[in-house]
Amino acid sequence: MTTPNSPIPGTTSLTKDIETPPRSVIDTGTDVMVQHLRTFIHHLNGQDSTGATHADVHNLVRAAERNLDVPVRPTPQTSHRDAYVYWHTITTLTTALRDLYLTHHDGQEPPA
């Protein structure tokens, strides 16, 4: 189905046609990513890291901690779309912290 507002002729409008995974997948994925994110925060912000003094690490850890705050986290009443956006945000932050961990630990395997 082609929509008249689509920026590319012959394509559909992405904002109306994207399907997100079931809420159970989003919730499970969020829980897994939150655990990984907490692990990276602990290792980058803990006593075993010399990288925690760098501004890039500090700023990213602060952003991650803000997103882990209870008022921000989705609840069962949160819309499906908002839960999906939160999952995506947590996954992006986890990936960024993983990359910083690898940078500051000379490519050493990330913690499990």
PDB file of N, CA and C in Angstrom:
ATOM      1  N   MET A   1       0.839  -1.175   0.000  1.00  0.00           N
ATOM      2  CA  MET A   1       0.000   0.000   0.000  1.00  0.00           C
ATOM      3  C   MET A   1       0.878   1.230   0.000  1.00  0.00           C
ATOM      4  N   THR A   2       0.680   2.112  -0.950  1.00  0.00           N
ATOM      5  CA  THR A   2       1.439   3.345  -1.056  1.00  0.00           C
ATOM      6  C   THR A   2       0.650   4.464  -0.393  1.00  0.00           C
ATOM      7  N   THR A   3       1.351   5.266   0.388  1.00  0.00           N
ATOM      8  CA  THR A   3       0.694   6.409   1.021  1.00  0.00           C
ATOM      9  C   THR A   3       1.177   7.683   0.379  1.00  0.00           C
ATOM     10  N   PRO A   4       0.292   8.667   0.230  1.00  0.00           N
ATOM     11  CA  PRO A   4       0.687   9.901  -0.446  1.00  0.00           C
ATOM     12  C   PRO A   4       1.744  10.697   0.302  1.00  0.00           C
ATOM     13  N   ASN A   5       1.869  10.527   1.601  1.00  0.00           N
ATOM     14  CA  ASN A   5       2.839  11.296   2.383  1.00  0.00           C
ATOM     15  C   ASN A   5       4.203  10.641   2.471  1.00  0.00           C
ATOM     16  N   SER A   6       4.379   9.518   1.822  1.00  0.00           N
ATOM     17  CA  SER A   6       5.652   8.828   1.873  1.00  0.00           C
ATOM     18  C   SER A   6       6.714   9.638   1.146  1.00  0.00           C
ATOM     19  N   PRO A   7       7.917   9.772   1.746  1.00  0.00           N
ATOM     20  CA  PRO A   7       8.967  10.572   1.103  1.00  0.00           C
ATOM     21  C   PRO A   7       9.530   9.926  -0.159  1.00  0.00           C
ATOM     22  N   ILE A   8       9.351   8.635  -0.336  1.00  0.00           N
ATOM     23  CA  ILE A   8       9.873   7.933  -1.509  1.00  0.00           C
ATOM     24  C   ILE A   8       8.699   7.388  -2.305  1.00  0.00           C
ATOM     25  N   PRO A   9       8.566   7.790  -3.574  1.00  0.00           N
ATOM     26  CA  PRO A   9       7.444   7.310  -4.380  1.00  0.00           C
ATOM     27  C   PRO A   9       7.420   5.782  -4.442  1.00  0.00           C
ATOM     28  N   GLY A  10       6.219   5.216  -4.327  1.00  0.00           N
ATOM     29  CA  GLY A  10       6.058   3.778  -4.429  1.00  0.00           C
ATOM     30  C   GLY A  10       6.334   3.023  -3.140  1.00  0.00           C
ATOM     31  N   THR A  11       6.597   3.743  -2.050  1.00  0.00           N
ATOM     32  CA  THR A  11       6.852   3.082  -0.765  1.00  0.00           C
ATOM     33  C   THR A  11       5.759   3.454   0.220  1.00  0.00           C
ATOM     34  N   THR A  12       5.768   2.779   1.346  1.00  0.00           N
ATOM     35  CA  THR A  12       4.777   3.066   2.377  1.00  0.00           C
ATOM     36  C   THR A  12       5.371   3.961   3.445  1.00  0.00           C
ATOM     37  N   SER A  13       4.507   4.610   4.166  1.00  0.00           N
ATOM     38  CA  SER A  13       4.929   5.446   5.273  1.00  0.00           C
ATOM     39  C   SER A  13       5.370   4.544   6.422  1.00  0.00           C
ATOM     40  N   LEU A  14       6.612   4.662   6.840  1.00  0.00           N
ATOM     41  CA  LEU A  14       7.152   3.781   7.871  1.00  0.00           C
ATOM     42  C   LEU A  14       6.479   3.952   9.222  1.00  0.00           C
ATOM     43  N   THR A  15       6.086   5.159   9.548  1.00  0.00           N
ATOM     44  CA  THR A  15       5.515   5.381  10.870  1.00  0.00           C
ATOM     45  C   THR A  15       4.186   4.672  11.050  1.00  0.00           C
ATOM     46  N   LYS A  16       3.515   4.339   9.978  1.00  0.00           N
ATOM     47  CA  LYS A  16       2.222   3.688  10.092  1.00  0.00           C
ATOM     48  C   LYS A  16       2.302   2.182   9.884  1.00  0.00           C
ATOM     49  N   ASP A  17       3.365   1.686   9.243  1.00  0.00           N
ATOM     50  CA  ASP A  17       3.400   0.296   8.825  1.00  0.00           C
ATOM     51  C   ASP A  17       4.385  -0.586   9.584  1.00  0.00           C
ATOM     52  N   ILE A  18       5.197  -0.019  10.460  1.00  0.00           N
ATOM     53  CA  ILE A  18       6.175  -0.829  11.191  1.00  0.00           C
ATOM     54  C   ILE A  18       5.454  -1.649  12.243  1.00  0.00           C
ATOM     55  N   GLU A  19       5.784  -2.930  12.289  1.00  0.00           N
ATOM     56  CA  GLU A  19       5.229  -3.790  13.322  1.00  0.00           C
ATOM     57  C   GLU A  19       6.309  -4.027  14.369  1.00  0.00           C
ATOM     58  N   THR A  20       5.921  -3.919  15.608  1.00  0.00           N
ATOM     59  CA  THR A  20       6.853  -4.188  16.695  1.00  0.00           C
ATOM     60  C   THR A  20       6.631  -5.612  17.190  1.00  0.00           C
ATOM     61  N   PRO A  21       7.635  -6.170  17.862  1.00  0.00           N
ATOM     62  CA  PRO A  21       7.478  -7.523  18.409  1.00  0.00           C
ATOM     63  C   PRO A  21       6.376  -7.542  19.475  1.00  0.00           C
ATOM     64  N   PRO A  22       5.912  -8.723  19.830  1.00  0.00           N
ATOM     65  CA  PRO A  22       4.923  -8.816  20.906  1.00  0.00           C
ATOM     66  C   PRO A  22       5.465  -8.215  22.202  1.00  0.00           C
ATOM     67  N   ARG A  23       4.584  -7.750  23.031  1.00  0.00           N
ATOM     68  CA  ARG A  23       4.987  -7.092  24.276  1.00  0.00           C
ATOM     69  C   ARG A  23       5.826  -8.021  25.150  1.00  0.00           C
ATOM     70  N   SER A  24       5.528  -9.318  25.138  1.00  0.00           N
ATOM     71  CA  SER A  24       6.306 -10.262  25.951  1.00  0.00           C
ATOM     72  C   SER A  24       7.769 -10.296  25.505  1.00  0.00           C
ATOM     73  N   VAL A  25       8.017 -10.183  24.206  1.00  0.00           N
ATOM     74  CA  VAL A  25       9.385 -10.161  23.677  1.00  0.00           C
ATOM     75  C   VAL A  25      10.072  -8.863  24.092  1.00  0.00           C
ATOM     76  N   ILE A  26       9.350  -7.761  24.003  1.00  0.00           N
ATOM     77  CA  ILE A  26       9.893  -6.458  24.405  1.00  0.00           C
ATOM     78  C   ILE A  26      10.253  -6.476  25.890  1.00  0.00           C
ATOM     79  N   ASP A  27       9.359  -6.974  26.722  1.00  0.00           N
ATOM     80  CA  ASP A  27       9.612  -6.999  28.164  1.00  0.00           C
ATOM     81  C   ASP A  27      10.789  -7.905  28.523  1.00  0.00           C
ATOM     82  N   THR A  28      10.862  -9.074  27.903  1.00  0.00           N
ATOM     83  CA  THR A  28      11.979  -9.990  28.154  1.00  0.00           C
ATOM     84  C   THR A  28      13.289  -9.382  27.659  1.00  0.00           C
ATOM     85  N   GLY A  29      13.275  -8.820  26.471  1.00  0.00           N
ATOM     86  CA  GLY A  29      14.472  -8.182  25.920  1.00  0.00           C
ATOM     87  C   GLY A  29      14.938  -7.024  26.782  1.00  0.00           C
ATOM     88  N   THR A  30      13.988  -6.256  27.294  1.00  0.00           N
ATOM     89  CA  THR A  30      14.327  -5.142  28.175  1.00  0.00           C
ATOM     90  C   THR A  30      14.992  -5.652  29.450  1.00  0.00           C
ATOM     91  N   ASP A  31      14.421  -6.691  30.049  1.00  0.00           N
ATOM     92  CA  ASP A  31      15.003  -7.245  31.283  1.00  0.00           C
ATOM     93  C   ASP A  31      16.439  -7.720  31.060  1.00  0.00           C
ATOM     94  N   VAL A  32      16.683  -8.397  29.949  1.00  0.00           N
ATOM     95  CA  VAL A  32      18.027  -8.898  29.635  1.00  0.00           C
ATOM     96  C   VAL A  32      18.991  -7.733  29.426  1.00  0.00           C
ATOM     97  N   MET A  33      18.579  -6.734  28.655  1.00  0.00           N
ATOM     98  CA  MET A  33      19.453  -5.591  28.383  1.00  0.00           C
ATOM     99  C   MET A  33      19.724  -4.778  29.641  1.00  0.00           C
ATOM    100  N   VAL A  34      18.728  -4.653  30.511  1.00  0.00           N
ATOM    101  CA  VAL A  34      18.928  -3.923  31.767  1.00  0.00           C
ATOM    102  C   VAL A  34      20.001  -4.619  32.606  1.00  0.00           C
ATOM    103  N   GLN A  35      19.981  -5.952  32.665  1.00  0.00           N
ATOM    104  CA  GLN A  35      21.004  -6.681  33.416  1.00  0.00           C
ATOM    105  C   GLN A  35      22.398  -6.454  32.824  1.00  0.00           C
ATOM    106  N   HIS A  36      22.506  -6.521  31.505  1.00  0.00           N
ATOM    107  CA  HIS A  36      23.797  -6.257  30.855  1.00  0.00           C
ATOM    108  C   HIS A  36      24.245  -4.821  31.110  1.00  0.00           C
ATOM    109  N   LEU A  37      23.310  -3.890  31.008  1.00  0.00           N
ATOM    110  CA  LEU A  37      23.645  -2.485  31.223  1.00  0.00           C
ATOM    111  C   LEU A  37      24.145  -2.264  32.640  1.00  0.00           C
ATOM    112  N   ARG A  38      23.482  -2.847  33.616  1.00  0.00           N
ATOM    113  CA  ARG A  38      23.928  -2.708  35.016  1.00  0.00           C
ATOM    114  C   ARG A  38      25.334  -3.298  35.206  1.00  0.00           C
ATOM    115  N   THR A  39      25.604  -4.407  34.537  1.00  0.00           N
ATOM    116  CA  THR A  39      26.928  -5.026  34.636  1.00  0.00           C
ATOM    117  C   THR A  39      28.001  -4.089  34.079  1.00  0.00           C
ATOM    118  N   PHE A  40      27.748  -3.514  32.914  1.00  0.00           N
ATOM    119  CA  PHE A  40      28.725  -2.593  32.333  1.00  0.00           C
ATOM    120  C   PHE A  40      28.896  -1.347  33.189  1.00  0.00           C
ATOM    121  N   ILE A  41      27.803  -0.821  33.737  1.00  0.00           N
ATOM    122  CA  ILE A  41      27.903   0.347  34.623  1.00  0.00           C
ATOM    123  C   ILE A  41      28.783  -0.002  35.815  1.00  0.00           C
ATOM    124  N   HIS A  42      28.549  -1.160  36.404  1.00  0.00           N
ATOM    125  CA  HIS A  42      29.348  -1.582  37.563  1.00  0.00           C
ATOM    126  C   HIS A  42      30.837  -1.666  37.209  1.00  0.00           C
ATOM    127  N   HIS A  43      31.144  -2.282  36.075  1.00  0.00           N
ATOM    128  CA  HIS A  43      32.546  -2.461  35.703  1.00  0.00           C
ATOM    129  C   HIS A  43      33.205  -1.164  35.252  1.00  0.00           C
ATOM    130  N   LEU A  44      32.465  -0.293  34.601  1.00  0.00           N
ATOM    131  CA  LEU A  44      33.044   0.969  34.145  1.00  0.00           C
ATOM    132  C   LEU A  44      33.087   2.011  35.257  1.00  0.00           C
ATOM    133  N   ASN A  45      32.220   1.879  36.225  1.00  0.00           N
ATOM    134  CA  ASN A  45      32.121   2.865  37.295  1.00  0.00           C
ATOM    135  C   ASN A  45      32.727   2.348  38.587  1.00  0.00           C
ATOM    136  N   GLY A  46      33.136   1.077  38.590  1.00  0.00           N
ATOM    137  CA  GLY A  46      33.640   0.451  39.804  1.00  0.00           C
ATOM    138  C   GLY A  46      35.124   0.633  40.004  1.00  0.00           C
ATOM    139  N   GLN A  47      35.621   0.004  41.037  1.00  0.00           N
ATOM    140  CA  GLN A  47      37.024   0.131  41.403  1.00  0.00           C
ATOM    141  C   GLN A  47      37.968  -0.518  40.408  1.00  0.00           C
ATOM    142  N   ASP A  48      37.441  -1.411  39.538  1.00  0.00           N
ATOM    143  CA  ASP A  48      38.329  -2.112  38.613  1.00  0.00           C
ATOM    144  C   ASP A  48      38.553  -1.354  37.308  1.00  0.00           C
ATOM    145  N   SER A  49      38.045  -0.132  37.220  1.00  0.00           N
ATOM    146  CA  SER A  49      38.140   0.590  35.954  1.00  0.00           C
ATOM    147  C   SER A  49      38.891   1.902  36.112  1.00  0.00           C
ATOM    148  N   THR A  50      39.887   2.098  35.261  1.00  0.00           N
ATOM    149  CA  THR A  50      40.575   3.390  35.231  1.00  0.00           C
ATOM    150  C   THR A  50      39.883   4.327  34.265  1.00  0.00           C
ATOM    151  N   GLY A  51      39.006   3.810  33.422  1.00  0.00           N
ATOM    152  CA  GLY A  51      38.315   4.620  32.421  1.00  0.00           C
ATOM    153  C   GLY A  51      37.214   5.483  32.987  1.00  0.00           C
ATOM    154  N   ALA A  52      36.799   5.232  34.225  1.00  0.00           N
ATOM    155  CA  ALA A  52      35.670   5.963  34.796  1.00  0.00           C
ATOM    156  C   ALA A  52      35.955   7.447  34.962  1.00  0.00           C
ATOM    157  N   THR A  53      37.219   7.842  34.914  1.00  0.00           N
ATOM    158  CA  THR A  53      37.538   9.253  35.058  1.00  0.00           C
ATOM    159  C   THR A  53      37.381  10.013  33.746  1.00  0.00           C
ATOM    160  N   HIS A  54      37.252   9.326  32.636  1.00  0.00           N
ATOM    161  CA  HIS A  54      37.087   9.975  31.341  1.00  0.00           C
ATOM    162  C   HIS A  54      35.671  10.537  31.228  1.00  0.00           C
ATOM    163  N   ALA A  55      35.558  11.719  30.643  1.00  0.00           N
ATOM    164  CA  ALA A  55      34.262  12.380  30.517  1.00  0.00           C
ATOM    165  C   ALA A  55      33.285  11.561  29.689  1.00  0.00           C
ATOM    166  N   ASP A  56      33.770  10.895  28.635  1.00  0.00           N
ATOM    167  CA  ASP A  56      32.854  10.121  27.792  1.00  0.00           C
ATOM    168  C   ASP A  56      32.204   8.996  28.580  1.00  0.00           C
ATOM    169  N   VAL A  57      32.986   8.314  29.393  1.00  0.00           N
ATOM    170  CA  VAL A  57      32.458   7.218  30.197  1.00  0.00           C
ATOM    171  C   VAL A  57      31.493   7.771  31.242  1.00  0.00           C
ATOM    172  N   HIS A  58      31.902   8.812  31.924  1.00  0.00           N
ATOM    173  CA  HIS A  58      31.071   9.399  32.978  1.00  0.00           C
ATOM    174  C   HIS A  58      29.711   9.843  32.425  1.00  0.00           C
ATOM    175  N   ASN A  59      29.721  10.547  31.311  1.00  0.00           N
ATOM    176  CA  ASN A  59      28.472  11.051  30.732  1.00  0.00           C
ATOM    177  C   ASN A  59      27.562   9.918  30.272  1.00  0.00           C
ATOM    178  N   LEU A  60      28.134   8.904  29.675  1.00  0.00           N
ATOM    179  CA  LEU A  60      27.339   7.785  29.205  1.00  0.00           C
ATOM    180  C   LEU A  60      26.765   6.977  30.371  1.00  0.00           C
ATOM    181  N   VAL A  61      27.561   6.788  31.421  1.00  0.00           N
ATOM    182  CA  VAL A  61      27.076   6.081  32.605  1.00  0.00           C
ATOM    183  C   VAL A  61      25.930   6.864  33.241  1.00  0.00           C
ATOM    184  N   ARG A  62      26.055   8.181  33.316  1.00  0.00           N
ATOM    185  CA  ARG A  62      24.977   9.007  33.888  1.00  0.00           C
ATOM    186  C   ARG A  62      23.699   8.888  33.055  1.00  0.00           C
ATOM    187  N   ALA A  63      23.823   8.889  31.735  1.00  0.00           N
ATOM    188  CA  ALA A  63      22.651   8.738  30.864  1.00  0.00           C
ATOM    189  C   ALA A  63      22.005   7.368  31.081  1.00  0.00           C
ATOM    190  N   ALA A  64      22.827   6.338  31.209  1.00  0.00           N
ATOM    191  CA  ALA A  64      22.306   4.994  31.441  1.00  0.00           C
ATOM    192  C   ALA A  64      21.590   4.916  32.786  1.00  0.00           C
ATOM    193  N   GLU A  65      22.187   5.494  33.814  1.00  0.00           N
ATOM    194  CA  GLU A  65      21.560   5.471  35.138  1.00  0.00           C
ATOM    195  C   GLU A  65      20.227   6.202  35.139  1.00  0.00           C
ATOM    196  N   ARG A  66      20.144   7.317  34.412  1.00  0.00           N
ATOM    197  CA  ARG A  66      18.870   8.046  34.313  1.00  0.00           C
ATOM    198  C   ARG A  66      17.794   7.176  33.668  1.00  0.00           C
ATOM    199  N   ASN A  67      18.184   6.400  32.663  1.00  0.00           N
ATOM    200  CA  ASN A  67      17.222   5.541  31.977  1.00  0.00           C
ATOM    201  C   ASN A  67      16.842   4.310  32.795  1.00  0.00           C
ATOM    202  N   LEU A  68      17.635   3.973  33.789  1.00  0.00           N
ATOM    203  CA  LEU A  68      17.302   2.852  34.660  1.00  0.00           C
ATOM    204  C   LEU A  68      16.442   3.267  35.848  1.00  0.00           C
ATOM    205  N   ASP A  69      16.275   4.570  36.042  1.00  0.00           N
ATOM    206  CA  ASP A  69      15.453   5.055  37.146  1.00  0.00           C
ATOM    207  C   ASP A  69      14.034   4.511  37.028  1.00  0.00           C
ATOM    208  N   VAL A  70      13.450   4.188  38.153  1.00  0.00           N
ATOM    209  CA  VAL A  70      12.113   3.589  38.185  1.00  0.00           C
ATOM    210  C   VAL A  70      11.063   4.432  37.458  1.00  0.00           C
ATOM    211  N   PRO A  71      11.006   5.754  37.612  1.00  0.00           N
ATOM    212  CA  PRO A  71       9.957   6.506  36.922  1.00  0.00           C
ATOM    213  C   PRO A  71      10.033   6.422  35.388  1.00  0.00           C
ATOM    214  N   VAL A  72      11.191   6.113  34.850  1.00  0.00           N
ATOM    215  CA  VAL A  72      11.363   6.049  33.401  1.00  0.00           C
ATOM    216  C   VAL A  72      11.009   4.672  32.850  1.00  0.00           C
ATOM    217  N   ARG A  73      11.220   3.635  33.634  1.00  0.00           N
ATOM    218  CA  ARG A  73      11.017   2.257  33.163  1.00  0.00           C
ATOM    219  C   ARG A  73       9.552   1.979  32.866  1.00  0.00           C
ATOM    220  N   PRO A  74       9.293   1.196  31.823  1.00  0.00           N
ATOM    221  CA  PRO A  74       7.909   0.866  31.481  1.00  0.00           C
ATOM    222  C   PRO A  74       7.238  -0.007  32.542  1.00  0.00           C
ATOM    223  N   THR A  75       5.944   0.168  32.654  1.00  0.00           N
ATOM    224  CA  THR A  75       5.113  -0.658  33.525  1.00  0.00           C
ATOM    225  C   THR A  75       4.117  -1.394  32.627  1.00  0.00           C
ATOM    226  N   PRO A  76       3.346  -2.302  33.178  1.00  0.00           N
ATOM    227  CA  PRO A  76       2.329  -2.968  32.350  1.00  0.00           C
ATOM    228  C   PRO A  76       1.341  -1.978  31.706  1.00  0.00           C
ATOM    229  N   GLN A  77       1.192  -0.800  32.299  1.00  0.00           N
ATOM    230  CA  GLN A  77       0.278   0.204  31.753  1.00  0.00           C
ATOM    231  C   GLN A  77       0.914   1.050  30.645  1.00  0.00           C
ATOM    232  N   THR A  78       2.224   0.946  30.477  1.00  0.00           N
ATOM    233  CA  THR A  78       2.924   1.708  29.437  1.00  0.00           C
ATOM    234  C   THR A  78       2.484   1.212  28.069  1.00  0.00           C
ATOM    235  N   SER A  79       2.344   2.132  27.138  1.00  0.00           N
ATOM    236  CA  SER A  79       1.927   1.741  25.789  1.00  0.00           C
ATOM    237  C   SER A  79       2.968   0.818  25.155  1.00  0.00           C
ATOM    238  N   HIS A  80       2.503   0.013  24.234  1.00  0.00           N
ATOM    239  CA  HIS A  80       3.366  -0.922  23.519  1.00  0.00           C
ATOM    240  C   HIS A  80       4.508  -0.166  22.835  1.00  0.00           C
ATOM    241  N   ARG A  81       4.198   0.928  22.173  1.00  0.00           N
ATOM    242  CA  ARG A  81       5.198   1.716  21.463  1.00  0.00           C
ATOM    243  C   ARG A  81       6.238   2.295  22.431  1.00  0.00           C
ATOM    244  N   ASP A  82       5.785   2.859  23.555  1.00  0.00           N
ATOM    245  CA  ASP A  82       6.720   3.439  24.521  1.00  0.00           C
ATOM    246  C   ASP A  82       7.636   2.372  25.124  1.00  0.00           C
ATOM    247  N   ALA A  83       7.094   1.183  25.366  1.00  0.00           N
ATOM    248  CA  ALA A  83       7.916   0.079  25.881  1.00  0.00           C
ATOM    249  C   ALA A  83       8.972  -0.317  24.847  1.00  0.00           C
ATOM    250  N   TYR A  84       8.581  -0.330  23.569  1.00  0.00           N
ATOM    251  CA  TYR A  84       9.515  -0.667  22.501  1.00  0.00           C
ATOM    252  C   TYR A  84      10.616   0.392  22.397  1.00  0.00           C
ATOM    253  N   VAL A  85      10.256   1.653  22.475  1.00  0.00           N
ATOM    254  CA  VAL A  85      11.247   2.740  22.413  1.00  0.00           C
ATOM    255  C   VAL A  85      12.217   2.643  23.589  1.00  0.00           C
ATOM    256  N   TYR A  86      11.706   2.322  24.774  1.00  0.00           N
ATOM    257  CA  TYR A  86      12.570   2.165  25.943  1.00  0.00           C
ATOM    258  C   TYR A  86      13.547   1.014  25.726  1.00  0.00           C
ATOM    259  N   TRP A  87      13.059  -0.121  25.237  1.00  0.00           N
ATOM    260  CA  TRP A  87      13.911  -1.277  24.948  1.00  0.00           C
ATOM    261  C   TRP A  87      15.015  -0.884  23.979  1.00  0.00           C
ATOM    262  N   HIS A  88      14.658  -0.177  22.950  1.00  0.00           N
ATOM    263  CA  HIS A  88      15.640   0.271  21.950  1.00  0.00           C
ATOM    264  C   HIS A  88      16.675   1.200  22.591  1.00  0.00           C
ATOM    265  N   THR A  89      16.224   2.104  23.440  1.00  0.00           N
ATOM    266  CA  THR A  89      17.134   3.041  24.119  1.00  0.00           C
ATOM    267  C   THR A  89      18.108   2.291  25.019  1.00  0.00           C
ATOM    268  N   ILE A  90      17.598   1.350  25.816  1.00  0.00           N
ATOM    269  CA  ILE A  90      18.451   0.569  26.718  1.00  0.00           C
ATOM    270  C   ILE A  90      19.453  -0.261  25.917  1.00  0.00           C
ATOM    271  N   THR A  91      19.023  -0.824  24.804  1.00  0.00           N
ATOM    272  CA  THR A  91      19.918  -1.611  23.951  1.00  0.00           C
ATOM    273  C   THR A  91      21.015  -0.730  23.366  1.00  0.00           C
ATOM    274  N   THR A  92      20.662   0.464  22.944  1.00  0.00           N
ATOM    275  CA  THR A  92      21.651   1.400  22.396  1.00  0.00           C
ATOM    276  C   THR A  92      22.663   1.804  23.466  1.00  0.00           C
ATOM    277  N   LEU A  93      22.195   2.107  24.666  1.00  0.00           N
ATOM    278  CA  LEU A  93      23.102   2.467  25.756  1.00  0.00           C
ATOM    279  C   LEU A  93      24.007   1.295  26.141  1.00  0.00           C
ATOM    280  N   THR A  94      23.456   0.092  26.158  1.00  0.00           N
ATOM    281  CA  THR A  94      24.241  -1.094  26.485  1.00  0.00           C
ATOM    282  C   THR A  94      25.340  -1.311  25.456  1.00  0.00           C
ATOM    283  N   THR A  95      25.017  -1.142  24.198  1.00  0.00           N
ATOM    284  CA  THR A  95      26.003  -1.292  23.122  1.00  0.00           C
ATOM    285  C   THR A  95      27.108  -0.245  23.260  1.00  0.00           C
ATOM    286  N   ALA A  96      26.724   0.988  23.560  1.00  0.00           N
ATOM    287  CA  ALA A  96      27.721   2.051  23.719  1.00  0.00           C
ATOM    288  C   ALA A  96      28.635   1.779  24.906  1.00  0.00           C
ATOM    289  N   LEU A  97      28.064   1.334  26.027  1.00  0.00           N
ATOM    290  CA  LEU A  97      28.898   1.023  27.198  1.00  0.00           C
ATOM    291  C   LEU A  97      29.789  -0.185  26.947  1.00  0.00           C
ATOM    292  N   ARG A  98      29.288  -1.163  26.200  1.00  0.00           N
ATOM    293  CA  ARG A  98      30.116  -2.317  25.834  1.00  0.00           C
ATOM    294  C   ARG A  98      31.322  -1.852  25.019  1.00  0.00           C
ATOM    295  N   ASP A  99      31.070  -0.972  24.057  1.00  0.00           N
ATOM    296  CA  ASP A  99      32.163  -0.468  23.226  1.00  0.00           C
ATOM    297  C   ASP A  99      33.183   0.308  24.052  1.00  0.00           C
ATOM    298  N   LEU A 100      32.712   1.120  24.997  1.00  0.00           N
ATOM    299  CA  LEU A 100      33.635   1.844  25.869  1.00  0.00           C
ATOM    300  C   LEU A 100      34.404   0.879  26.766  1.00  0.00           C
ATOM    301  N   TYR A 101      33.726  -0.146  27.246  1.00  0.00           N
ATOM    302  CA  TYR A 101      34.396  -1.154  28.070  1.00  0.00           C
ATOM    303  C   TYR A 101      35.542  -1.781  27.278  1.00  0.00           C
ATOM    304  N   LEU A 102      35.256  -2.171  26.042  1.00  0.00           N
ATOM    305  CA  LEU A 102      36.297  -2.785  25.205  1.00  0.00           C
ATOM    306  C   LEU A 102      37.454  -1.818  24.962  1.00  0.00           C
ATOM    307  N   THR A 103      37.144  -0.551  24.762  1.00  0.00           N
ATOM    308  CA  THR A 103      38.171   0.466  24.535  1.00  0.00           C
ATOM    309  C   THR A 103      39.058   0.631  25.767  1.00  0.00           C
ATOM    310  N   HIS A 104      38.444   0.683  26.930  1.00  0.00           N
ATOM    311  CA  HIS A 104      39.196   0.928  28.165  1.00  0.00           C
ATOM    312  C   HIS A 104      39.787  -0.318  28.785  1.00  0.00           C
ATOM    313  N   HIS A 105      39.476  -1.477  28.228  1.00  0.00           N
ATOM    314  CA  HIS A 105      40.033  -2.737  28.736  1.00  0.00           C
ATOM    315  C   HIS A 105      40.781  -3.481  27.639  1.00  0.00           C
ATOM    316  N   ASP A 106      41.346  -2.754  26.705  1.00  0.00           N
ATOM    317  CA  ASP A 106      42.185  -3.302  25.634  1.00  0.00           C
ATOM    318  C   ASP A 106      41.571  -4.517  24.935  1.00  0.00           C
ATOM    319  N   GLY A 107      40.274  -4.428  24.654  1.00  0.00           N
ATOM    320  CA  GLY A 107      39.619  -5.491  23.909  1.00  0.00           C
ATOM    321  C   GLY A 107      39.315  -6.737  24.728  1.00  0.00           C
ATOM    322  N   GLN A 108      39.564  -6.693  26.034  1.00  0.00           N
ATOM    323  CA  GLN A 108      39.270  -7.830  26.901  1.00  0.00           C
ATOM    324  C   GLN A 108      37.782  -8.141  26.817  1.00  0.00           C
ATOM    325  N   GLU A 109      37.439  -9.417  26.834  1.00  0.00           N
ATOM    326  CA  GLU A 109      36.047  -9.865  26.718  1.00  0.00           C
ATOM    327  C   GLU A 109      35.177  -9.181  27.799  1.00  0.00           C
ATOM    328  N   PRO A 110      34.000  -8.649  27.410  1.00  0.00           N
ATOM    329  CA  PRO A 110      33.119  -8.019  28.386  1.00  0.00           C
ATOM    330  C   PRO A 110      32.655  -9.011  29.449  1.00  0.00           C
ATOM    331  N   PRO A 111      32.272  -8.491  30.618  1.00  0.00           N
ATOM    332  CA  PRO A 111      31.783  -9.379  31.689  1.00  0.00           C
ATOM    333  C   PRO A 111      30.488 -10.049  31.269  1.00  0.00           C
ATOM    334  N   ALA A 112      30.230 -11.210  31.818  1.00  0.00           N
ATOM    335  CA  ALA A 112      28.997 -11.942  31.505  1.00  0.00           C
ATOM    336  C   ALA A 112      27.837 -11.454  32.331  1.00  0.00           C
TER     337      ALA A 112
END
